[in-house]
C-alpha atoms as a PDB file:
ATOM      1  CA  MET A   1      15.313  -4.953   6.408  1.00  0.00           C
ATOM      2  CA  ASN A   2      14.572  -8.474   5.188  1.00  0.00           C
ATOM      3  CA  PHE A   3      11.090  -9.148   3.869  1.00  0.00           C
ATOM      4  CA  GLY A   4       8.949 -11.367   1.669  1.00  0.00           C
ATOM      5  CA  CYS A   5       5.648 -10.450   0.030  1.00  0.00           C
ATOM      6  CA  ALA A   6       2.753 -12.386  -1.456  1.00  0.00           C
ATOM      7  CA  ASN A   7       1.332 -10.815  -4.646  1.00  0.00           C
ATOM      8  CA  ASN A   8       1.346  -7.167  -3.519  1.00  0.00           C
ATOM      9  CA  PRO A   9       4.533  -5.084  -3.449  1.00  0.00           C
ATOM     10  CA  LEU A  10       6.273  -3.261  -0.642  1.00  0.00           C
ATOM     11  CA  TRP A  11       6.619   0.486  -1.256  1.00  0.00           C
ATOM     12  CA  VAL A  12       9.459   2.527   0.224  1.00  0.00           C
ATOM     13  CA  ILE A  13       9.492   6.326   0.366  1.00  0.00           C
ATOM     14  CA  ARG A  14      12.881   7.686   1.305  1.00  0.00           C
ATOM     15  CA  LYS A  15      13.140  10.708   3.571  1.00  0.00           C
ATOM     16  CA  ASP A  16      12.681  13.893   1.521  1.00  0.00           C
ATOM     17  CA  SER A  17      11.912  11.904  -1.668  1.00  0.00           C
ATOM     18  CA  SER A  18       9.049  12.480  -4.074  1.00  0.00           C
ATOM     19  CA  GLU A  19       9.194   8.968  -5.531  1.00  0.00           C
ATOM     20  CA  ILE A  20       8.173   5.498  -4.433  1.00  0.00           C
ATOM     21  CA  GLU A  21      10.564   2.573  -4.676  1.00  0.00           C
ATOM     22  CA  GLU A  22       8.607  -0.598  -5.424  1.00  0.00           C
ATOM     23  CA  TYR A  23       9.745  -4.069  -4.391  1.00  0.00           C
ATOM     24  CA  LYS A  24       7.557  -6.696  -6.026  1.00  0.00           C
ATOM     25  CA  GLY A  25       6.246  -9.678  -4.114  1.00  0.00           C
ATOM     26  CA  ASP A  26       6.099 -13.293  -5.229  1.00  0.00           C
ATOM     27  CA  LYS A  27       3.200 -14.147  -7.536  1.00  0.00           C
ATOM     28  CA  GLN A  28       1.510 -16.574  -5.170  1.00  0.00           C
ATOM     29  CA  PRO A  29      -0.939 -16.343  -2.284  1.00  0.00           C
ATOM     30  CA  ILE A  30      -0.076 -16.982   1.336  1.00  0.00           C
ATOM     31  CA  GLY A  31      -2.589 -19.830   1.687  1.00  0.00           C
ATOM     32  CA  LYS A  32      -2.831 -23.166  -0.074  1.00  0.00           C
ATOM     33  CA  PHE A  33      -1.859 -22.940  -3.734  1.00  0.00           C
ATOM     34  CA  ALA A  34      -1.402 -25.705  -6.321  1.00  0.00           C
ATOM     35  CA  TYR A  35       2.060 -24.475  -7.381  1.00  0.00           C
ATOM     36  CA  SER A  36       3.378 -22.988  -4.148  1.00  0.00           C
ATOM     37  CA  ASP A  37       7.065 -22.328  -3.675  1.00  0.00           C
ATOM     38  CA  ASN A  38       9.153 -20.785  -0.923  1.00  0.00           C
ATOM     39  CA  PHE A  39       8.847 -17.036  -0.714  1.00  0.00           C
ATOM     40  CA  LYS A  40      11.973 -15.159  -1.721  1.00  0.00           C
ATOM     41  CA  THR A  41      13.605 -12.956   0.887  1.00  0.00           C
ATOM     42  CA  GLN A  42      14.563  -9.492  -0.298  1.00  0.00           C
ATOM     43  CA  LYS A  43      16.908  -7.134   1.536  1.00  0.00           C
ATOM     44  CA  ILE A  44      16.590  -3.352   1.618  1.00  0.00           C
ATOM     45  CA  GLN A  45      18.729  -0.778   3.382  1.00  0.00           C
ATOM     46  CA  LEU A  46      16.485   1.628   5.290  1.00  0.00           C
ATOM     47  CA  ASN A  47      17.632   4.887   6.840  1.00  0.00           C
ATOM     48  CA  PRO A  48      16.179   7.117   9.558  1.00  0.00           C
ATOM     49  CA  GLY A  49      13.186   9.014   8.180  1.00  0.00           C
ATOM     50  CA  ASP A  50      12.389   6.451   5.462  1.00  0.00           C
ATOM     51  CA  SER A  51       8.872   5.004   5.384  1.00  0.00           C
ATOM     52  CA  PHE A  52       7.598   1.726   4.012  1.00  0.00           C
ATOM     53  CA  TYR A  53       4.087   0.488   3.262  1.00  0.00           C
ATOM     54  CA  LEU A  54       2.506  -2.927   2.943  1.00  0.00           C
ATOM     55  CA  PHE A  55      -1.120  -3.207   1.857  1.00  0.00           C
ATOM     56  CA  SER A  56      -3.863  -5.439   0.547  1.00  0.00           C
ATOM     57  CA  ASN A  57      -5.385  -4.819  -2.880  1.00  0.00           C
ATOM     58  CA  GLY A  58      -8.672  -3.633  -1.345  1.00  0.00           C
ATOM     59  CA  TYR A  59      -7.845   0.077  -1.261  1.00  0.00           C
ATOM     60  CA  ALA A  60      -6.858   0.433  -4.926  1.00  0.00           C
ATOM     61  CA  ASP A  61      -9.640  -1.907  -6.100  1.00  0.00           C
ATOM     62  CA  GLN A  62     -12.456  -0.005  -4.359  1.00  0.00           C
ATOM     63  CA  PHE A  63     -15.069   1.490  -6.666  1.00  0.00           C
ATOM     64  CA  GLY A  64     -16.190   5.070  -6.066  1.00  0.00           C
ATOM     65  CA  GLY A  65     -15.719   8.652  -7.136  1.00  0.00           C
ATOM     66  CA  GLU A  66     -17.969  10.531  -9.549  1.00  0.00           C
ATOM     67  CA  LYS A  67     -17.892   7.782 -12.181  1.00  0.00           C
ATOM     68  CA  GLY A  68     -17.928   4.720  -9.911  1.00  0.00           C
ATOM     69  CA  LYS A  69     -14.459   3.616 -11.070  1.00  0.00           C
ATOM     70  CA  LYS A  70     -11.642   1.899  -9.144  1.00  0.00           C
ATOM     71  CA  PHE A  71      -9.355   4.084  -7.039  1.00  0.00           C
ATOM     72  CA  LYS A  72      -6.285   2.405  -8.631  1.00  0.00           C
ATOM     73  CA  GLY A  73      -2.686   2.028  -7.527  1.00  0.00           C
ATOM     74  CA  VAL A  74      -1.462   5.202  -9.230  1.00  0.00           C
ATOM     75  CA  ASN A  75      -3.861   7.288  -7.112  1.00  0.00           C
ATOM     76  CA  PHE A  76      -2.877   5.378  -3.984  1.00  0.00           C
ATOM     77  CA  LYS A  77       0.787   6.213  -4.685  1.00  0.00           C
ATOM     78  CA  LYS A  78      -0.078   9.902  -5.147  1.00  0.00           C
ATOM     79  CA  LEU A  79      -2.013   9.856  -1.870  1.00  0.00           C
ATOM     80  CA  LEU A  80       0.906   8.359   0.079  1.00  0.00           C
ATOM     81  CA  LEU A  81       3.391  10.776  -1.469  1.00  0.00           C
ATOM     82  CA  SER A  82       1.156  13.757  -0.671  1.00  0.00           C
ATOM     83  CA  ALA A  83       0.974  12.690   2.982  1.00  0.00           C
ATOM     84  CA  GLN A  84       4.713  12.138   3.544  1.00  0.00           C
ATOM     85  CA  GLY A  85       5.283  15.334   5.541  1.00  0.00           C
ATOM     86  CA  LYS A  86       2.671  14.228   8.080  1.00  0.00           C
ATOM     87  CA  THR A  87       2.969  11.989  11.123  1.00  0.00           C
ATOM     88  CA  LEU A  88       1.866   8.382  10.669  1.00  0.00           C
ATOM     89  CA  GLU A  89      -1.230   9.131  12.758  1.00  0.00           C
ATOM     90  CA  GLU A  90      -2.139  12.004  10.419  1.00  0.00           C
ATOM     91  CA  GLN A  91      -1.433   9.774   7.410  1.00  0.00           C
ATOM     92  CA  MET A  92      -3.809   7.147   8.799  1.00  0.00           C
ATOM     93  CA  LYS A  93      -6.584   9.732   9.041  1.00  0.00           C
ATOM     94  CA  ILE A  94      -5.910  10.975   5.496  1.00  0.00           C
ATOM     95  CA  ILE A  95      -5.894   7.428   4.104  1.00  0.00           C
ATOM     96  CA  ASP A  96      -9.110   6.532   5.922  1.00  0.00           C
ATOM     97  CA  THR A  97     -10.943   9.765   5.061  1.00  0.00           C
ATOM     98  CA  THR A  98      -9.926   9.567   1.401  1.00  0.00           C
ATOM     99  CA  PHE A  99     -11.163   5.973   1.186  1.00  0.00           C
ATOM    100  CA  GLU A 100     -14.515   6.761   2.783  1.00  0.00           C
ATOM    101  CA  GLU A 101     -15.053   9.835   0.601  1.00  0.00           C
ATOM    102  CA  TRP A 102     -14.067   7.851  -2.509  1.00  0.00           C
ATOM    103  CA  ARG A 103     -16.412   4.934  -1.919  1.00  0.00           C
ATOM    104  CA  SER A 104     -19.220   7.193  -0.624  1.00  0.00           C
ATOM    105  CA  SER A 105     -22.375   5.057  -0.652  1.00  0.00           C
ATOM    106  CA  ILE A 106     -20.823   2.185  -2.650  1.00  0.00           C
ATOM    107  CA  GLU A 107     -20.434  -0.973  -0.612  1.00  0.00           C
ATOM    108  CA  GLN A 108     -16.888  -1.865   0.437  1.00  0.00           C
ATOM    109  CA  LEU A 109     -15.836  -4.751  -1.808  1.00  0.00           C
ATOM    110  CA  ASP A 110     -12.833  -6.282  -0.113  1.00  0.00           C
ATOM    111  CA  ASP A 111     -10.662  -6.201   2.965  1.00  0.00           C
ATOM    112  CA  VAL A 112      -8.566  -3.061   3.260  1.00  0.00           C
ATOM    113  CA  CYS A 113      -5.277  -3.215   5.126  1.00  0.00           C
ATOM    114  CA  VAL A 114      -2.586  -0.537   4.961  1.00  0.00           C
ATOM    115  CA  ILE A 115       0.494  -0.796   7.175  1.00  0.00           C
ATOM    116  CA  GLY A 116       2.886   2.136   7.262  1.00  0.00           C
ATOM    117  CA  VAL A 117       6.143   2.243   9.227  1.00  0.00           C
ATOM    118  CA  ARG A 118       8.579   5.124   9.553  1.00  0.00           C
ATOM    119  CA  VAL A 119      12.148   4.233  10.463  1.00  0.00           C
END
């Protein structure tokens, strides 16, 4: 797979793995930027059963929980790893339910986009 990312990484979870491989994106936004440069293309070998995830920062940055703190990337990684044995449809429900339970009555702060693909 060839890909390029703006700011946020691409995460790959290999079939039967309990770790996330992180491929960092370029440190620039997609839109107009004073010091913009061409995005770098990265290449990854994917195999049947591997999954990859692209996402905005909105999920990890959402405030909630008992102490009103951010969800954070480390918890998002744990969530994705815990859902790996599930279908993508089941993962979507888990991701959505976890987010809603986390934020509870706290207003959603930012856009939330999570894209998961299984090869």
